[in-house]
Amino acid sequence: SLVIFQASFTDEGEIKCTATNRAGH
């Protein structure tokens, strides 16, 4: 999980999550 406390307009944008191991991405 990603939690942003007291979110403001500067937090707007693309949020990306990646999972990587030797078998793939």
mmCIF file of all heavy atoms, coordinates in Angstrom:
data_MODEL
# 
_entry.id   MODEL 
# 
loop_
_atom_site.group_PDB 
_atom_site.id 
_atom_site.type_symbol 
_atom_site.label_atom_id 
_atom_site.label_alt_id 
_atom_site.label_comp_id 
_atom_site.label_asym_id 
_atom_site.label_entity_id 
_atom_site.label_seq_id 
_atom_site.pdbx_PDB_ins_code 
_atom_site.Cartn_x 
_atom_site.Cartn_y 
_atom_site.Cartn_z 
_atom_site.occupancy 
_atom_site.B_iso_or_equiv 
_atom_site.pdbx_formal_charge 
_atom_site.auth_seq_id 
_atom_site.auth_comp_id 
_atom_site.auth_asym_id 
_atom_site.auth_atom_id 
_atom_site.pdbx_PDB_model_num 
ATOM 1   N N   . SER A 1 1  ? 0.835  -1.197  0.000   1.00 0.00 ? 1  SER A N   1 
ATOM 2   C CA  . SER A 1 1  ? 0.000  0.000   0.000   1.00 0.00 ? 1  SER A CA  1 
ATOM 3   C C   . SER A 1 1  ? 0.875  1.253   0.000   1.00 0.00 ? 1  SER A C   1 
ATOM 4   O O   . SER A 1 1  ? 1.996  1.254   0.499   1.00 0.00 ? 1  SER A O   1 
ATOM 5   C CB  . SER A 1 1  ? -0.934 0.023   1.211   1.00 0.00 ? 1  SER A CB  1 
ATOM 6   O OG  . SER A 1 1  ? -0.183 0.149   2.399   1.00 0.00 ? 1  SER A OG  1 
ATOM 7   N N   . LEU A 1 2  ? 0.317  2.293   -0.599  1.00 0.00 ? 2  LEU A N   1 
ATOM 8   C CA  . LEU A 1 2  ? 0.897  3.634   -0.562  1.00 0.00 ? 2  LEU A CA  1 
ATOM 9   C C   . LEU A 1 2  ? -0.164 4.533   0.046   1.00 0.00 ? 2  LEU A C   1 
ATOM 10  O O   . LEU A 1 2  ? -1.284 4.607   -0.470  1.00 0.00 ? 2  LEU A O   1 
ATOM 11  C CB  . LEU A 1 2  ? 1.252  4.128   -1.967  1.00 0.00 ? 2  LEU A CB  1 
ATOM 12  C CG  . LEU A 1 2  ? 1.528  5.636   -2.102  1.00 0.00 ? 2  LEU A CG  1 
ATOM 13  C CD1 . LEU A 1 2  ? 2.779  6.028   -1.318  1.00 0.00 ? 2  LEU A CD1 1 
ATOM 14  C CD2 . LEU A 1 2  ? 1.678  6.030   -3.561  1.00 0.00 ? 2  LEU A CD2 1 
ATOM 15  N N   . VAL A 1 3  ? 0.167  5.199   1.158   1.00 0.00 ? 3  VAL A N   1 
ATOM 16  C CA  . VAL A 1 3  ? -0.763 6.126   1.804   1.00 0.00 ? 3  VAL A CA  1 
ATOM 17  C C   . VAL A 1 3  ? -0.140 7.513   1.755   1.00 0.00 ? 3  VAL A C   1 
ATOM 18  O O   . VAL A 1 3  ? 1.022  7.697   2.145   1.00 0.00 ? 3  VAL A O   1 
ATOM 19  C CB  . VAL A 1 3  ? -1.044 5.724   3.268   1.00 0.00 ? 3  VAL A CB  1 
ATOM 20  C CG1 . VAL A 1 3  ? -1.988 6.728   3.924   1.00 0.00 ? 3  VAL A CG1 1 
ATOM 21  C CG2 . VAL A 1 3  ? -1.613 4.314   3.341   1.00 0.00 ? 3  VAL A CG2 1 
ATOM 22  N N   . ILE A 1 4  ? -0.909 8.497   1.256   1.00 0.00 ? 4  ILE A N   1 
ATOM 23  C CA  . ILE A 1 4  ? -0.480 9.898   1.227   1.00 0.00 ? 4  ILE A CA  1 
ATOM 24  C C   . ILE A 1 4  ? -1.328 10.630  2.259   1.00 0.00 ? 4  ILE A C   1 
ATOM 25  O O   . ILE A 1 4  ? -2.545 10.693  2.128   1.00 0.00 ? 4  ILE A O   1 
ATOM 26  C CB  . ILE A 1 4  ? -0.667 10.524  -0.173  1.00 0.00 ? 4  ILE A CB  1 
ATOM 27  C CG1 . ILE A 1 4  ? 0.103  9.723   -1.221  1.00 0.00 ? 4  ILE A CG1 1 
ATOM 28  C CG2 . ILE A 1 4  ? -0.229 11.987  -0.161  1.00 0.00 ? 4  ILE A CG2 1 
ATOM 29  C CD1 . ILE A 1 4  ? -0.181 10.153  -2.652  1.00 0.00 ? 4  ILE A CD1 1 
ATOM 30  N N   . PHE A 1 5  ? -0.670 11.144  3.301   1.00 0.00 ? 5  PHE A N   1 
ATOM 31  C CA  . PHE A 1 5  ? -1.369 11.879  4.349   1.00 0.00 ? 5  PHE A CA  1 
ATOM 32  C C   . PHE A 1 5  ? -1.508 13.340  3.938   1.00 0.00 ? 5  PHE A C   1 
ATOM 33  O O   . PHE A 1 5  ? -0.604 13.911  3.344   1.00 0.00 ? 5  PHE A O   1 
ATOM 34  C CB  . PHE A 1 5  ? -0.597 11.783  5.671   1.00 0.00 ? 5  PHE A CB  1 
ATOM 35  C CG  . PHE A 1 5  ? -0.403 10.372  6.126   1.00 0.00 ? 5  PHE A CG  1 
ATOM 36  C CD1 . PHE A 1 5  ? 0.799  9.721   5.914   1.00 0.00 ? 5  PHE A CD1 1 
ATOM 37  C CD2 . PHE A 1 5  ? -1.427 9.675   6.753   1.00 0.00 ? 5  PHE A CD2 1 
ATOM 38  C CE1 . PHE A 1 5  ? 0.985  8.411   6.331   1.00 0.00 ? 5  PHE A CE1 1 
ATOM 39  C CE2 . PHE A 1 5  ? -1.251 8.372   7.172   1.00 0.00 ? 5  PHE A CE2 1 
ATOM 40  C CZ  . PHE A 1 5  ? -0.043 7.732   6.959   1.00 0.00 ? 5  PHE A CZ  1 
ATOM 41  N N   . GLN A 1 6  ? -2.612 13.968  4.270   1.00 0.00 ? 6  GLN A N   1 
ATOM 42  C CA  . GLN A 1 6  ? -2.865 15.385  3.962   1.00 0.00 ? 6  GLN A CA  1 
ATOM 43  C C   . GLN A 1 6  ? -2.535 15.686  2.498   1.00 0.00 ? 6  GLN A C   1 
ATOM 44  O O   . GLN A 1 6  ? -1.724 16.565  2.191   1.00 0.00 ? 6  GLN A O   1 
ATOM 45  C CB  . GLN A 1 6  ? -2.057 16.290  4.886   1.00 0.00 ? 6  GLN A CB  1 
ATOM 46  C CG  . GLN A 1 6  ? -2.468 16.137  6.338   1.00 0.00 ? 6  GLN A CG  1 
ATOM 47  C CD  . GLN A 1 6  ? -1.634 16.991  7.268   1.00 0.00 ? 6  GLN A CD  1 
ATOM 48  O OE1 . GLN A 1 6  ? -0.459 17.217  7.052   1.00 0.00 ? 6  GLN A OE1 1 
ATOM 49  N NE2 . GLN A 1 6  ? -2.257 17.457  8.330   1.00 0.00 ? 6  GLN A NE2 1 
ATOM 50  N N   . ALA A 1 7  ? -3.148 14.930  1.607   1.00 0.00 ? 7  ALA A N   1 
ATOM 51  C CA  . ALA A 1 7  ? -2.891 15.081  0.169   1.00 0.00 ? 7  ALA A CA  1 
ATOM 52  C C   . ALA A 1 7  ? -3.176 16.507  -0.280  1.00 0.00 ? 7  ALA A C   1 
ATOM 53  O O   . ALA A 1 7  ? -4.136 17.132  0.171   1.00 0.00 ? 7  ALA A O   1 
ATOM 54  C CB  . ALA A 1 7  ? -3.746 14.097  -0.621  1.00 0.00 ? 7  ALA A CB  1 
ATOM 55  N N   . SER A 1 8  ? -2.305 17.021  -1.149  1.00 0.00 ? 8  SER A N   1 
ATOM 56  C CA  . SER A 1 8  ? -2.496 18.358  -1.710  1.00 0.00 ? 8  SER A CA  1 
ATOM 57  C C   . SER A 1 8  ? -2.424 18.252  -3.229  1.00 0.00 ? 8  SER A C   1 
ATOM 58  O O   . SER A 1 8  ? -2.049 17.216  -3.779  1.00 0.00 ? 8  SER A O   1 
ATOM 59  C CB  . SER A 1 8  ? -1.431 19.321  -1.187  1.00 0.00 ? 8  SER A CB  1 
ATOM 60  O OG  . SER A 1 8  ? -0.169 18.990  -1.738  1.00 0.00 ? 8  SER A OG  1 
ATOM 61  N N   . PHE A 1 9  ? -2.747 19.366  -3.907  1.00 0.00 ? 9  PHE A N   1 
ATOM 62  C CA  . PHE A 1 9  ? -2.759 19.332  -5.368  1.00 0.00 ? 9  PHE A CA  1 
ATOM 63  C C   . PHE A 1 9  ? -1.381 19.048  -5.958  1.00 0.00 ? 9  PHE A C   1 
ATOM 64  O O   . PHE A 1 9  ? -1.271 18.596  -7.084  1.00 0.00 ? 9  PHE A O   1 
ATOM 65  C CB  . PHE A 1 9  ? -3.353 20.625  -5.927  1.00 0.00 ? 9  PHE A CB  1 
ATOM 66  C CG  . PHE A 1 9  ? -4.842 20.703  -5.746  1.00 0.00 ? 9  PHE A CG  1 
ATOM 67  C CD1 . PHE A 1 9  ? -5.404 21.600  -4.867  1.00 0.00 ? 9  PHE A CD1 1 
ATOM 68  C CD2 . PHE A 1 9  ? -5.679 19.850  -6.440  1.00 0.00 ? 9  PHE A CD2 1 
ATOM 69  C CE1 . PHE A 1 9  ? -6.777 21.647  -4.683  1.00 0.00 ? 9  PHE A CE1 1 
ATOM 70  C CE2 . PHE A 1 9  ? -7.049 19.887  -6.267  1.00 0.00 ? 9  PHE A CE2 1 
ATOM 71  C CZ  . PHE A 1 9  ? -7.606 20.791  -5.383  1.00 0.00 ? 9  PHE A CZ  1 
ATOM 72  N N   . THR A 1 10 ? -0.306 19.267  -5.182  1.00 0.00 ? 10 THR A N   1 
ATOM 73  C CA  . THR A 1 10 ? 1.031  18.928  -5.693  1.00 0.00 ? 10 THR A CA  1 
ATOM 74  C C   . THR A 1 10 ? 1.235  17.414  -5.769  1.00 0.00 ? 10 THR A C   1 
ATOM 75  O O   . THR A 1 10 ? 2.191  16.961  -6.385  1.00 0.00 ? 10 THR A O   1 
ATOM 76  C CB  . THR A 1 10 ? 2.140  19.560  -4.820  1.00 0.00 ? 10 THR A CB  1 
ATOM 77  O OG1 . THR A 1 10 ? 1.968  19.123  -3.477  1.00 0.00 ? 10 THR A OG1 1 
ATOM 78  C CG2 . THR A 1 10 ? 2.086  21.079  -4.876  1.00 0.00 ? 10 THR A CG2 1 
ATOM 79  N N   . ASP A 1 11 ? 0.350  16.640  -5.140  1.00 0.00 ? 11 ASP A N   1 
ATOM 80  C CA  . ASP A 1 11 ? 0.446  15.174  -5.209  1.00 0.00 ? 11 ASP A CA  1 
ATOM 81  C C   . ASP A 1 11 ? -0.214 14.606  -6.463  1.00 0.00 ? 11 ASP A C   1 
ATOM 82  O O   . ASP A 1 11 ? -0.092 13.417  -6.739  1.00 0.00 ? 11 ASP A O   1 
ATOM 83  C CB  . ASP A 1 11 ? -0.205 14.539  -3.970  1.00 0.00 ? 11 ASP A CB  1 
ATOM 84  C CG  . ASP A 1 11 ? 0.541  14.870  -2.691  1.00 0.00 ? 11 ASP A CG  1 
ATOM 85  O OD1 . ASP A 1 11 ? 1.782  14.826  -2.706  1.00 0.00 ? 11 ASP A OD1 1 
ATOM 86  O OD2 . ASP A 1 11 ? -0.124 15.186  -1.684  1.00 0.00 ? 11 ASP A OD2 1 
ATOM 87  N N   . GLU A 1 12 ? -0.937 15.447  -7.217  1.00 0.00 ? 12 GLU A N   1 
ATOM 88  C CA  . GLU A 1 12 ? -1.585 14.956  -8.421  1.00 0.00 ? 12 GLU A CA  1 
ATOM 89  C C   . GLU A 1 12 ? -0.554 14.468  -9.429  1.00 0.00 ? 12 GLU A C   1 
ATOM 90  O O   . GLU A 1 12 ? 0.542  15.026  -9.520  1.00 0.00 ? 12 GLU A O   1 
ATOM 91  C CB  . GLU A 1 12 ? -2.431 16.062  -9.064  1.00 0.00 ? 12 GLU A CB  1 
ATOM 92  C CG  . GLU A 1 12 ? -3.672 16.406  -8.281  1.00 0.00 ? 12 GLU A CG  1 
ATOM 93  C CD  . GLU A 1 12 ? -4.572 17.388  -9.005  1.00 0.00 ? 12 GLU A CD  1 
ATOM 94  O OE1 . GLU A 1 12 ? -4.072 18.198  -9.802  1.00 0.00 ? 12 GLU A OE1 1 
ATOM 95  O OE2 . GLU A 1 12 ? -5.775 17.327  -8.774  1.00 0.00 ? 12 GLU A OE2 1 
ATOM 96  N N   . GLY A 1 13 ? -0.911 13.440  -10.181 1.00 0.00 ? 13 GLY A N   1 
ATOM 97  C CA  . GLY A 1 13 ? -0.027 12.926  -11.220 1.00 0.00 ? 13 GLY A CA  1 
ATOM 98  C C   . GLY A 1 13 ? -0.192 11.432  -11.380 1.00 0.00 ? 13 GLY A C   1 
ATOM 99  O O   . GLY A 1 13 ? -1.159 10.838  -10.889 1.00 0.00 ? 13 GLY A O   1 
ATOM 100 N N   . GLU A 1 14 ? 0.775  10.812  -12.058 1.00 0.00 ? 14 GLU A N   1 
ATOM 101 C CA  . GLU A 1 14 ? 0.715  9.369   -12.300 1.00 0.00 ? 14 GLU A CA  1 
ATOM 102 C C   . GLU A 1 14 ? 1.351  8.617   -11.137 1.00 0.00 ? 14 GLU A C   1 
ATOM 103 O O   . GLU A 1 14 ? 2.500  8.862   -10.780 1.00 0.00 ? 14 GLU A O   1 
ATOM 104 C CB  . GLU A 1 14 ? 1.465  9.021   -13.586 1.00 0.00 ? 14 GLU A CB  1 
ATOM 105 C CG  . GLU A 1 14 ? 1.421  7.528   -13.888 1.00 0.00 ? 14 GLU A CG  1 
ATOM 106 C CD  . GLU A 1 14 ? 2.296  7.149   -15.068 1.00 0.00 ? 14 GLU A CD  1 
ATOM 107 O OE1 . GLU A 1 14 ? 3.528  7.078   -14.893 1.00 0.00 ? 14 GLU A OE1 1 
ATOM 108 O OE2 . GLU A 1 14 ? 1.735  6.928   -16.148 1.00 0.00 ? 14 GLU A OE2 1 
ATOM 109 N N   . ILE A 1 15 ? 0.590  7.707   -10.547 1.00 0.00 ? 15 ILE A N   1 
ATOM 110 C CA  . ILE A 1 15 ? 1.087  6.821   -9.496  1.00 0.00 ? 15 ILE A CA  1 
ATOM 111 C C   . ILE A 1 15 ? 1.264  5.452   -10.136 1.00 0.00 ? 15 ILE A C   1 
ATOM 112 O O   . ILE A 1 15 ? 0.351  4.941   -10.789 1.00 0.00 ? 15 ILE A O   1 
ATOM 113 C CB  . ILE A 1 15 ? 0.099  6.738   -8.307  1.00 0.00 ? 15 ILE A CB  1 
ATOM 114 C CG1 . ILE A 1 15 ? -0.210 8.121   -7.745  1.00 0.00 ? 15 ILE A CG1 1 
ATOM 115 C CG2 . ILE A 1 15 ? 0.639  5.793   -7.245  1.00 0.00 ? 15 ILE A CG2 1 
ATOM 116 C CD1 . ILE A 1 15 ? 0.951  8.850   -7.129  1.00 0.00 ? 15 ILE A CD1 1 
ATOM 117 N N   . LYS A 1 16 ? 2.458  4.877   -9.950  1.00 0.00 ? 16 LYS A N   1 
ATOM 118 C CA  . LYS A 1 16 ? 2.766  3.595   -10.588 1.00 0.00 ? 16 LYS A CA  1 
ATOM 119 C C   . LYS A 1 16 ? 3.308  2.643   -9.528  1.00 0.00 ? 16 LYS A C   1 
ATOM 120 O O   . LYS A 1 16 ? 4.059  3.058   -8.648  1.00 0.00 ? 16 LYS A O   1 
ATOM 121 C CB  . LYS A 1 16 ? 3.796  3.823   -11.695 1.00 0.00 ? 16 LYS A CB  1 
ATOM 122 C CG  . LYS A 1 16 ? 4.261  2.568   -12.408 1.00 0.00 ? 16 LYS A CG  1 
ATOM 123 C CD  . LYS A 1 16 ? 5.095  2.896   -13.629 1.00 0.00 ? 16 LYS A CD  1 
ATOM 124 C CE  . LYS A 1 16 ? 6.496  3.287   -13.273 1.00 0.00 ? 16 LYS A CE  1 
ATOM 125 N NZ  . LYS A 1 16 ? 7.382  3.422   -14.439 1.00 0.00 ? 16 LYS A NZ  1 
ATOM 126 N N   . CYS A 1 17 ? 2.933  1.382   -9.626  1.00 0.00 ? 17 CYS A N   1 
ATOM 127 C CA  . CYS A 1 17 ? 3.462  0.342   -8.748  1.00 0.00 ? 17 CYS A CA  1 
ATOM 128 C C   . CYS A 1 17 ? 4.042  -0.755  -9.624  1.00 0.00 ? 17 CYS A C   1 
ATOM 129 O O   . CYS A 1 17 ? 3.418  -1.180  -10.601 1.00 0.00 ? 17 CYS A O   1 
ATOM 130 C CB  . CYS A 1 17 ? 2.348  -0.219  -7.862  1.00 0.00 ? 17 CYS A CB  1 
ATOM 131 S SG  . CYS A 1 17 ? 2.943  -1.471  -6.695  1.00 0.00 ? 17 CYS A SG  1 
ATOM 132 N N   . THR A 1 18 ? 5.267  -1.182  -9.288  1.00 0.00 ? 18 THR A N   1 
ATOM 133 C CA  . THR A 1 18 ? 5.910  -2.257  -10.051 1.00 0.00 ? 18 THR A CA  1 
ATOM 134 C C   . THR A 1 18 ? 6.222  -3.432  -9.117  1.00 0.00 ? 18 THR A C   1 
ATOM 135 O O   . THR A 1 18 ? 6.518  -3.236  -7.941  1.00 0.00 ? 18 THR A O   1 
ATOM 136 C CB  . THR A 1 18 ? 7.229  -1.786  -10.708 1.00 0.00 ? 18 THR A CB  1 
ATOM 137 O OG1 . THR A 1 18 ? 8.161  -1.438  -9.689  1.00 0.00 ? 18 THR A OG1 1 
ATOM 138 C CG2 . THR A 1 18 ? 7.000  -0.599  -11.627 1.00 0.00 ? 18 THR A CG2 1 
ATOM 139 N N   . ALA A 1 19 ? 6.140  -4.632  -9.662  1.00 0.00 ? 19 ALA A N   1 
ATOM 140 C CA  . ALA A 1 19 ? 6.540  -5.853  -8.957  1.00 0.00 ? 19 ALA A CA  1 
ATOM 141 C C   . ALA A 1 19 ? 7.535  -6.575  -9.863  1.00 0.00 ? 19 ALA A C   1 
ATOM 142 O O   . ALA A 1 19 ? 7.233  -6.847  -11.024 1.00 0.00 ? 19 ALA A O   1 
ATOM 143 C CB  . ALA A 1 19 ? 5.330  -6.735  -8.670  1.00 0.00 ? 19 ALA A CB  1 
ATOM 144 N N   . THR A 1 20 ? 8.730  -6.856  -9.338  1.00 0.00 ? 20 THR A N   1 
ATOM 145 C CA  . THR A 1 20 ? 9.797  -7.424  -10.160 1.00 0.00 ? 20 THR A CA  1 
ATOM 146 C C   . THR A 1 20 ? 10.475 -8.581  -9.433  1.00 0.00 ? 20 THR A C   1 
ATOM 147 O O   . THR A 1 20 ? 10.822 -8.465  -8.255  1.00 0.00 ? 20 THR A O   1 
ATOM 148 C CB  . THR A 1 20 ? 10.874 -6.343  -10.465 1.00 0.00 ? 20 THR A CB  1 
ATOM 149 O OG1 . THR A 1 20 ? 10.230 -5.191  -11.000 1.00 0.00 ? 20 THR A OG1 1 
ATOM 150 C CG2 . THR A 1 20 ? 11.904 -6.855  -11.452 1.00 0.00 ? 20 THR A CG2 1 
ATOM 151 N N   . ASN A 1 21 ? 10.643 -9.694  -10.146 1.00 0.00 ? 21 ASN A N   1 
ATOM 152 C CA  . ASN A 1 21 ? 11.520 -10.772 -9.674  1.00 0.00 ? 21 ASN A CA  1 
ATOM 153 C C   . ASN A 1 21 ? 12.271 -11.309 -10.889 1.00 0.00 ? 21 ASN A C   1 
ATOM 154 O O   . ASN A 1 21 ? 12.115 -10.784 -11.998 1.00 0.00 ? 21 ASN A O   1 
ATOM 155 C CB  . ASN A 1 21 ? 10.742 -11.859 -8.920  1.00 0.00 ? 21 ASN A CB  1 
ATOM 156 C CG  . ASN A 1 21 ? 9.774  -12.632 -9.795  1.00 0.00 ? 21 ASN A CG  1 
ATOM 157 O OD1 . ASN A 1 21 ? 9.810  -12.541 -11.027 1.00 0.00 ? 21 ASN A OD1 1 
ATOM 158 N ND2 . ASN A 1 21 ? 8.891  -13.386 -9.158  1.00 0.00 ? 21 ASN A ND2 1 
ATOM 159 N N   . ARG A 1 22 ? 13.080 -12.341 -10.706 1.00 0.00 ? 22 ARG A N   1 
ATOM 160 C CA  . ARG A 1 22 ? 13.901 -12.799 -11.836 1.00 0.00 ? 22 ARG A CA  1 
ATOM 161 C C   . ARG A 1 22 ? 13.083 -13.442 -12.941 1.00 0.00 ? 22 ARG A C   1 
ATOM 162 O O   . ARG A 1 22 ? 13.548 -13.584 -14.060 1.00 0.00 ? 22 ARG A O   1 
ATOM 163 C CB  . ARG A 1 22 ? 15.022 -13.723 -11.354 1.00 0.00 ? 22 ARG A CB  1 
ATOM 164 C CG  . ARG A 1 22 ? 14.577 -15.033 -10.800 1.00 0.00 ? 22 ARG A CG  1 
ATOM 165 C CD  . ARG A 1 22 ? 15.787 -15.910 -10.478 1.00 0.00 ? 22 ARG A CD  1 
ATOM 166 N NE  . ARG A 1 22 ? 15.380 -17.162 -9.902  1.00 0.00 ? 22 ARG A NE  1 
ATOM 167 C CZ  . ARG A 1 22 ? 15.489 -17.459 -8.618  1.00 0.00 ? 22 ARG A CZ  1 
ATOM 168 N NH1 . ARG A 1 22 ? 16.004 -16.586 -7.784  1.00 0.00 ? 22 ARG A NH1 1 
ATOM 169 N NH2 . ARG A 1 22 ? 15.082 -18.631 -8.168  1.00 0.00 ? 22 ARG A NH2 1 
ATOM 170 N N   . ALA A 1 23 ? 11.816 -13.755 -12.642 1.00 0.00 ? 23 ALA A N   1 
ATOM 171 C CA  . ALA A 1 23 ? 10.950 -14.355 -13.659 1.00 0.00 ? 23 ALA A CA  1 
ATOM 172 C C   . ALA A 1 23 ? 10.215 -13.306 -14.500 1.00 0.00 ? 23 ALA A C   1 
ATOM 173 O O   . ALA A 1 23 ? 9.692  -13.629 -15.554 1.00 0.00 ? 23 ALA A O   1 
ATOM 174 C CB  . ALA A 1 23 ? 9.939  -15.292 -12.997 1.00 0.00 ? 23 ALA A CB  1 
ATOM 175 N N   . GLY A 1 24 ? 10.186 -12.034 -14.010 1.00 0.00 ? 24 GLY A N   1 
ATOM 176 C CA  . GLY A 1 24 ? 9.465  -11.041 -14.802 1.00 0.00 ? 24 GLY A CA  1 
ATOM 177 C C   . GLY A 1 24 ? 9.194  -9.753  -14.060 1.00 0.00 ? 24 GLY A C   1 
ATOM 178 O O   . GLY A 1 24 ? 9.707  -9.503  -12.968 1.00 0.00 ? 24 GLY A O   1 
ATOM 179 N N   . HIS A 1 25 ? 8.327  -8.951  -14.698 1.00 0.00 ? 25 HIS A N   1 
ATOM 180 C CA  . HIS A 1 25 ? 8.065  -7.587  -14.240 1.00 0.00 ? 25 HIS A CA  1 
ATOM 181 C C   . HIS A 1 25 ? 6.601  -7.266  -14.525 1.00 0.00 ? 25 HIS A C   1 
ATOM 182 O O   . HIS A 1 25 ? 6.108  -7.546  -15.611 1.00 0.00 ? 25 HIS A O   1 
ATOM 183 C CB  . HIS A 1 25 ? 8.993  -6.646  -15.022 1.00 0.00 ? 25 HIS A CB  1 
ATOM 184 C CG  . HIS A 1 25 ? 8.881  -5.202  -14.660 1.00 0.00 ? 25 HIS A CG  1 
ATOM 185 N ND1 . HIS A 1 25 ? 9.395  -4.693  -13.497 1.00 0.00 ? 25 HIS A ND1 1 
ATOM 186 C CD2 . HIS A 1 25 ? 8.330  -4.159  -15.316 1.00 0.00 ? 25 HIS A CD2 1 
ATOM 187 C CE1 . HIS A 1 25 ? 9.170  -3.384  -13.455 1.00 0.00 ? 25 HIS A CE1 1 
ATOM 188 N NE2 . HIS A 1 25 ? 8.517  -3.039  -14.554 1.00 0.00 ? 25 HIS A NE2 1 
# 
